[in-house]
Amino acid sequence: MQVGPKINCTYNKDMPRRSIRPTSHRRGPGRPAGGQSGGSREALLEAAQELMAERGLPRVTVREVAERAGLQPALVNYYFGGKEELLQAVVDRAAGRLLARAAESVDSEGSPQERLRALLRSLVIGMTEEPYAPRLIVEQVLFGREEVVDEFARRFASRQFAILDSVFGEGRAAGEFRDLETHLLAPQMLGAAIFFFLAQPVLRRLFGIEEITPEYASRYADQFADVLLHGICTPREAPE
């Protein structure tokens, strides 16, 4: 019987999905965003994302973001309220995309082991699309204001947990997984994914890894999945 805190969240397979689009090309100063509604707001988000990805740190100024987007700095305050709110909007954007990837990964056919592997791969490989996200999540969420943590937990973390709990519960019911506590497994998986990207400066110095590419992230995800599954799967009976 599983012991642990009761988390009120459910995974709905019909939840809306958001497509992952590659980062747009750089806009030169003075070039306005597209004419559709919300185009300027989206341009500022993309500009902030690009700068964070290029520098590897969310240490960018409002003026730099506005210049990259080809807009006036005052629009950052107009759309977001300030730099901190802009960074939080970038976190929400990245988390929404990762959540959509996770939901899509477990909707595919396959055994609980295959779907758990797909879930882990979606988390790790998805972060190569959002290279600024791991550090931004740590700084803005894990060490952020209480209200920011509450909102992130409600909108994203609880839904990610529900997806994991659904797959893990199916594996336990099928006799494929041991009766482990899912609320302890969730931070282990998240920590392994986030720290992999945060450790990139060390990887560069130790192993010459200049960039965590999707191919390298895929290898990491597969190896971690092998280690994880060997730890949670029920032991098979030895052949007679």
Protein backbone atom coordinates (compact mmCIF):
# COMPACT_ATOMS: atom_id res chain seq x y z
CA MET A 1 0.00 0.00 0.00
CA GLN A 2 1.47 3.35 -0.99
CA VAL A 3 2.17 5.79 1.83
CA GLY A 4 2.69 9.48 1.21
CA PRO A 5 1.00 12.84 0.94
CA LYS A 6 -2.28 12.96 -0.89
CA ILE A 7 -2.02 15.14 -3.96
CA ASN A 8 -5.28 16.23 -5.51
CA CYS A 9 -4.51 16.08 -9.21
CA THR A 10 -5.68 14.01 -12.13
CA TYR A 11 -4.30 13.40 -15.58
CA ASN A 12 -6.72 14.07 -18.40
CA LYS A 13 -5.65 12.63 -21.76
CA ASP A 14 -7.89 15.18 -23.49
CA MET A 15 -5.98 18.12 -22.03
CA PRO A 16 -5.07 20.67 -24.73
CA ARG A 17 -1.66 20.29 -26.30
CA ARG A 18 0.71 22.96 -27.51
CA SER A 19 3.06 22.37 -30.35
CA ILE A 20 6.78 22.91 -29.94
CA ARG A 21 8.07 25.45 -32.40
CA PRO A 22 11.73 26.18 -33.02
CA THR A 23 13.13 29.49 -31.81
CA SER A 24 12.48 32.17 -34.39
CA HIS A 25 15.31 33.98 -36.13
CA ARG A 26 16.69 37.11 -34.58
CA ARG A 27 14.84 40.36 -35.15
CA GLY A 28 16.92 43.41 -35.81
CA PRO A 29 16.33 46.60 -33.80
CA GLY A 30 13.55 48.69 -35.25
CA ARG A 31 11.78 45.74 -36.82
CA PRO A 32 8.30 45.51 -35.29
CA ALA A 33 6.60 42.24 -34.50
CA GLY A 34 3.86 40.78 -36.66
CA GLY A 35 0.52 42.49 -36.86
CA GLN A 36 -1.58 39.82 -35.17
CA SER A 37 -3.07 40.44 -31.73
CA GLY A 38 -0.49 39.86 -29.03
CA GLY A 39 2.35 39.95 -31.54
CA SER A 40 4.41 42.40 -29.51
CA ARG A 41 4.02 40.37 -26.33
CA GLU A 42 5.07 37.20 -28.14
CA ALA A 43 8.03 39.03 -29.69
CA LEU A 44 9.25 40.07 -26.24
CA LEU A 45 8.94 36.50 -24.95
CA GLU A 46 10.88 35.15 -27.92
CA ALA A 47 13.55 37.82 -27.55
CA ALA A 48 14.00 37.02 -23.85
CA GLN A 49 14.16 33.32 -24.67
CA GLU A 50 16.82 33.86 -27.34
CA LEU A 51 19.01 35.99 -25.09
CA MET A 52 18.78 33.49 -22.25
CA ALA A 53 19.64 30.62 -24.58
CA GLU A 54 22.63 32.48 -26.03
CA ARG A 55 24.12 33.49 -22.71
CA GLY A 56 23.10 30.51 -20.67
CA LEU A 57 21.98 32.83 -17.88
CA PRO A 58 18.73 34.72 -17.33
CA ARG A 59 20.77 37.87 -16.65
CA VAL A 60 19.41 40.10 -19.37
CA THR A 61 18.16 43.66 -19.20
CA VAL A 62 14.78 44.99 -20.23
CA ARG A 63 16.46 47.24 -22.79
CA GLU A 64 18.29 44.30 -24.39
CA VAL A 65 15.08 42.30 -24.66
CA ALA A 66 13.25 45.25 -26.22
CA GLU A 67 16.07 45.93 -28.70
CA ARG A 68 16.13 42.27 -29.76
CA ALA A 69 12.36 42.36 -30.29
CA GLY A 70 12.52 45.69 -32.13
CA LEU A 71 10.21 47.33 -29.60
CA GLN A 72 10.27 50.08 -27.00
CA PRO A 73 11.45 49.07 -23.47
CA ALA A 74 8.26 50.55 -22.01
CA LEU A 75 6.29 47.71 -23.62
CA VAL A 76 7.89 45.23 -21.20
CA ASN A 77 6.19 47.04 -18.34
CA TYR A 78 3.00 47.40 -20.37
CA TYR A 79 2.65 43.68 -21.13
CA PHE A 80 4.30 42.10 -18.10
CA GLY A 81 4.74 44.68 -15.37
CA GLY A 82 8.53 44.44 -15.24
CA LYS A 83 11.54 42.20 -15.70
CA GLU A 84 10.64 39.67 -13.00
CA GLU A 85 7.18 39.18 -14.47
CA LEU A 86 8.69 38.78 -17.95
CA LEU A 87 11.01 36.05 -16.67
CA GLN A 88 8.06 34.36 -14.98
CA ALA A 89 6.12 34.45 -18.25
CA VAL A 90 9.07 32.75 -19.96
CA VAL A 91 9.04 30.06 -17.27
CA ASP A 92 5.31 29.53 -17.78
CA ARG A 93 5.81 29.28 -21.54
CA ALA A 94 8.58 26.69 -21.22
CA ALA A 95 6.73 24.69 -18.55
CA GLY A 96 3.61 24.60 -20.72
CA ARG A 97 5.56 23.19 -23.63
CA LEU A 98 7.24 20.55 -21.45
CA LEU A 99 3.85 19.60 -20.02
CA ALA A 100 2.39 19.20 -23.50
CA ARG A 101 5.33 16.98 -24.47
CA ALA A 102 4.83 14.84 -21.38
CA ALA A 103 1.12 14.37 -22.05
CA GLU A 104 1.79 13.42 -25.66
CA SER A 105 4.53 10.95 -24.72
CA VAL A 106 2.28 8.84 -22.48
CA ASP A 107 -0.68 8.90 -24.86
CA SER A 108 1.16 6.53 -27.19
CA GLU A 109 0.61 2.78 -27.16
CA GLY A 110 2.98 0.59 -25.22
CA SER A 111 3.64 -1.09 -21.91
CA PRO A 112 4.01 0.94 -18.70
CA GLN A 113 7.78 0.51 -18.99
CA GLU A 114 7.80 1.87 -22.54
CA ARG A 115 5.56 4.79 -21.61
CA LEU A 116 7.63 5.65 -18.53
CA ARG A 117 10.74 5.66 -20.71
CA ALA A 118 8.96 7.91 -23.22
CA LEU A 119 7.93 10.26 -20.41
CA LEU A 120 11.50 10.58 -19.18
CA ARG A 121 12.81 11.12 -22.71
CA SER A 122 10.23 13.83 -23.31
CA LEU A 123 11.35 15.65 -20.17
CA VAL A 124 15.09 15.52 -20.91
CA ILE A 125 15.02 16.00 -24.67
CA GLY A 126 12.32 18.67 -24.34
CA MET A 127 14.71 20.78 -22.29
CA THR A 128 17.09 20.98 -25.24
CA GLU A 129 14.32 23.03 -26.89
CA GLU A 130 14.25 25.30 -23.82
CA PRO A 131 17.97 25.48 -22.85
CA TYR A 132 17.36 28.41 -20.49
CA ALA A 133 14.53 26.62 -18.65
CA PRO A 134 16.42 24.50 -16.07
CA ARG A 135 18.29 27.40 -14.48
CA LEU A 136 15.32 29.73 -14.81
CA ILE A 137 13.05 27.19 -13.09
CA VAL A 138 15.55 26.86 -10.24
CA GLU A 139 16.01 30.60 -9.79
CA GLN A 140 12.45 31.78 -10.42
CA VAL A 141 10.52 28.86 -8.95
CA LEU A 142 12.50 26.75 -6.48
CA PHE A 143 14.07 29.82 -4.90
CA GLY A 144 11.32 32.24 -5.85
CA ARG A 145 8.51 33.96 -3.99
CA GLU A 146 5.89 31.82 -2.26
CA GLU A 147 3.13 32.94 -4.60
CA VAL A 148 5.27 32.04 -7.63
CA VAL A 149 5.94 28.56 -6.25
CA ASP A 150 2.24 28.09 -5.46
CA GLU A 151 1.21 29.08 -8.98
CA PHE A 152 3.84 26.87 -10.63
CA ALA A 153 2.83 23.90 -8.48
CA ARG A 154 -0.84 24.39 -9.27
CA ARG A 155 -0.55 24.95 -13.02
CA PHE A 156 2.31 22.66 -13.98
CA ALA A 157 3.92 20.49 -11.30
CA SER A 158 0.66 18.89 -10.14
CA ARG A 159 -0.25 17.97 -13.71
CA GLN A 160 3.20 16.53 -14.38
CA PHE A 161 2.84 14.46 -11.21
CA ALA A 162 -0.59 13.25 -12.30
CA ILE A 163 0.87 12.01 -15.59
CA LEU A 164 3.67 10.16 -13.81
CA ASP A 165 1.30 8.75 -11.19
CA SER A 166 -1.03 7.47 -13.91
CA VAL A 167 1.73 5.57 -15.74
CA PHE A 168 3.33 4.31 -12.55
CA GLY A 169 -0.03 3.18 -11.20
CA GLU A 170 -0.67 1.17 -14.36
CA GLY A 171 2.73 -0.47 -13.99
CA ARG A 172 2.02 -1.46 -10.39
CA ALA A 173 -1.41 -2.82 -11.31
CA ALA A 174 0.14 -4.89 -14.13
CA GLY A 175 2.79 -6.26 -11.78
CA GLU A 176 5.61 -4.60 -13.77
CA PHE A 177 6.65 -2.07 -11.12
CA ARG A 178 7.40 -2.48 -7.45
CA ASP A 179 5.20 -0.71 -4.92
CA LEU A 180 7.27 2.45 -4.62
CA GLU A 181 6.00 5.86 -3.58
CA THR A 182 5.38 8.01 -6.63
CA HIS A 183 5.74 11.29 -4.74
CA LEU A 184 9.34 10.30 -3.99
CA LEU A 185 10.03 9.15 -7.54
CA ALA A 186 8.85 12.46 -9.06
CA PRO A 187 11.60 14.70 -7.58
CA GLN A 188 14.21 12.07 -8.42
CA MET A 189 13.24 12.18 -12.08
CA LEU A 190 12.93 15.97 -12.17
CA GLY A 191 16.23 16.45 -10.35
CA ALA A 192 18.06 14.11 -12.71
CA ALA A 193 16.73 15.99 -15.72
CA ILE A 194 17.36 19.52 -14.45
CA PHE A 195 20.81 18.90 -12.96
CA PHE A 196 22.00 17.32 -16.20
CA PHE A 197 21.65 20.71 -17.86
CA LEU A 198 22.88 22.74 -14.89
CA ALA A 199 26.03 20.61 -14.84
CA GLN A 200 26.97 21.52 -18.42
CA PRO A 201 29.90 23.78 -17.36
CA VAL A 202 31.36 20.82 -15.43
CA LEU A 203 30.73 18.45 -18.34
CA ARG A 204 32.64 20.84 -20.60
CA ARG A 205 35.67 20.90 -18.31
CA LEU A 206 35.69 17.17 -17.55
CA PHE A 207 34.64 15.65 -20.87
CA GLY A 208 34.82 18.44 -23.45
CA ILE A 209 31.01 18.57 -23.87
CA GLU A 210 30.54 22.05 -25.32
CA GLU A 211 26.80 21.71 -25.91
CA ILE A 212 24.05 19.38 -24.76
CA THR A 213 22.57 18.45 -28.11
CA PRO A 214 19.31 16.50 -28.57
CA GLU A 215 21.39 13.44 -29.50
CA TYR A 216 23.49 13.67 -26.33
CA ALA A 217 20.37 14.32 -24.24
CA SER A 218 18.73 11.26 -25.83
CA ARG A 219 21.65 9.06 -24.79
CA TYR A 220 21.48 10.42 -21.26
CA ALA A 221 17.70 9.86 -21.08
CA ASP A 222 17.98 6.27 -22.32
CA GLN A 223 20.74 5.40 -19.87
CA PHE A 224 18.91 7.00 -16.95
CA ALA A 225 15.73 5.16 -17.98
CA ASP A 226 17.64 1.86 -17.94
CA VAL A 227 18.95 2.56 -14.44
CA LEU A 228 15.54 3.69 -13.23
CA LEU A 229 13.61 0.76 -14.68
CA HIS A 230 16.03 -1.79 -13.28
CA GLY A 231 15.39 -0.25 -9.90
CA ILE A 232 11.59 -0.10 -9.99
CA CYS A 233 10.69 -3.20 -11.99
CA THR A 234 9.64 -6.33 -10.14
CA PRO A 235 12.36 -9.01 -10.33
CA ARG A 236 11.74 -11.71 -12.87
CA GLU A 237 11.82 -15.32 -11.81
CA ALA A 238 15.04 -17.06 -12.75
CA PRO A 239 14.59 -19.66 -15.50
CA GLU A 240 14.55 -23.24 -14.28
